[in-house]
Amino acid sequence: MNFENRKQKVAAMPNFLIRVGRYGFFAAGLIIFSVCLGTVGYHYFGKISWLDSFHMACMILTGMGPVVEMNSVHAKLFSSFYALYSGVAFLSITAVFFAPIIHRLLHILHVEENDFK
C-alpha cells in the first residue's frame, strides 16, 4: 500500500477509493481484534456475561468509560491495561483510517500546476 511521491501525479479517483477501502478494511480488522480482546478479557477476568463484556469493551475502546464495576484484583488490572491499550489503539486506528485521505489532500496541495502539463 504505497503512496505516490511528490513527483508523481495524484492517484485517479478509482485508485484512491480502492486505497481508502483497503485502509478502512484494515482499520475495521483492528477494531474487531480490539473488541474481541476486551470482550474475552472482561468475561474471563471480570466474570460478567458475554453481552456485558462486549458492552464494556466497546465503551472502553471508544473512550466512554466503564459500565460495570470490577471487584477482583485481576479484573481491575485487566481493565486498567485494556484502557491503556484502548487509548493507543483508538488513536492508531483513526490514523490508519485517515492516512490515505490526508495524504491525498496534502499531495493535491503540494503538486505544482506545471506538473500536469
Foldseek 3Di string as FASTA:
>chain_A
DDADDLLDDQDDPVVLVVQLVVLLVVLVVLVVVLLVVQLVQCCVQQVDDSVLSSVQSVCLLVPNDGDDDGDDPSNVVVSVVSSVVSVVSNVVSVCSNCVSVVVSVVSVVSHDPVSVD
